[in-house]
Amino acid sequence: MAGRDKQLERIKQQPANVRFATLDRLLQRYGFTVRQPRSGSSHYTYKRGRFTLTIPKHDPLREVYARKALKMIDEVRREEEA
């Protein structure tokens, strides 16, 4: 199992206890590009094709952001397999 898959499984098991850096690294490993915030904002935007997700930089992240990221990653994986 690849490193990104192991990290994905850990997040699926505990979506309420995810650090920003962990989710950031995972999204980038799945090909998402990141746009860092400008002056005073803490929100990072991740894009890949038709998928867009904005996440505030907080530790730990709220569970809703982890779940949204997991859903997008699952859709990306399905597209890669097709």
Foldseek 3Di string as FASTA:
>chain_A
DDPLVVLLVVCVVPLQQAAPVSLVVSLVVLPWDWDQDPDPAQWIWTDDVPDIDIAGHDGPGGSVRSVVSSVVSVVSVVVVVD
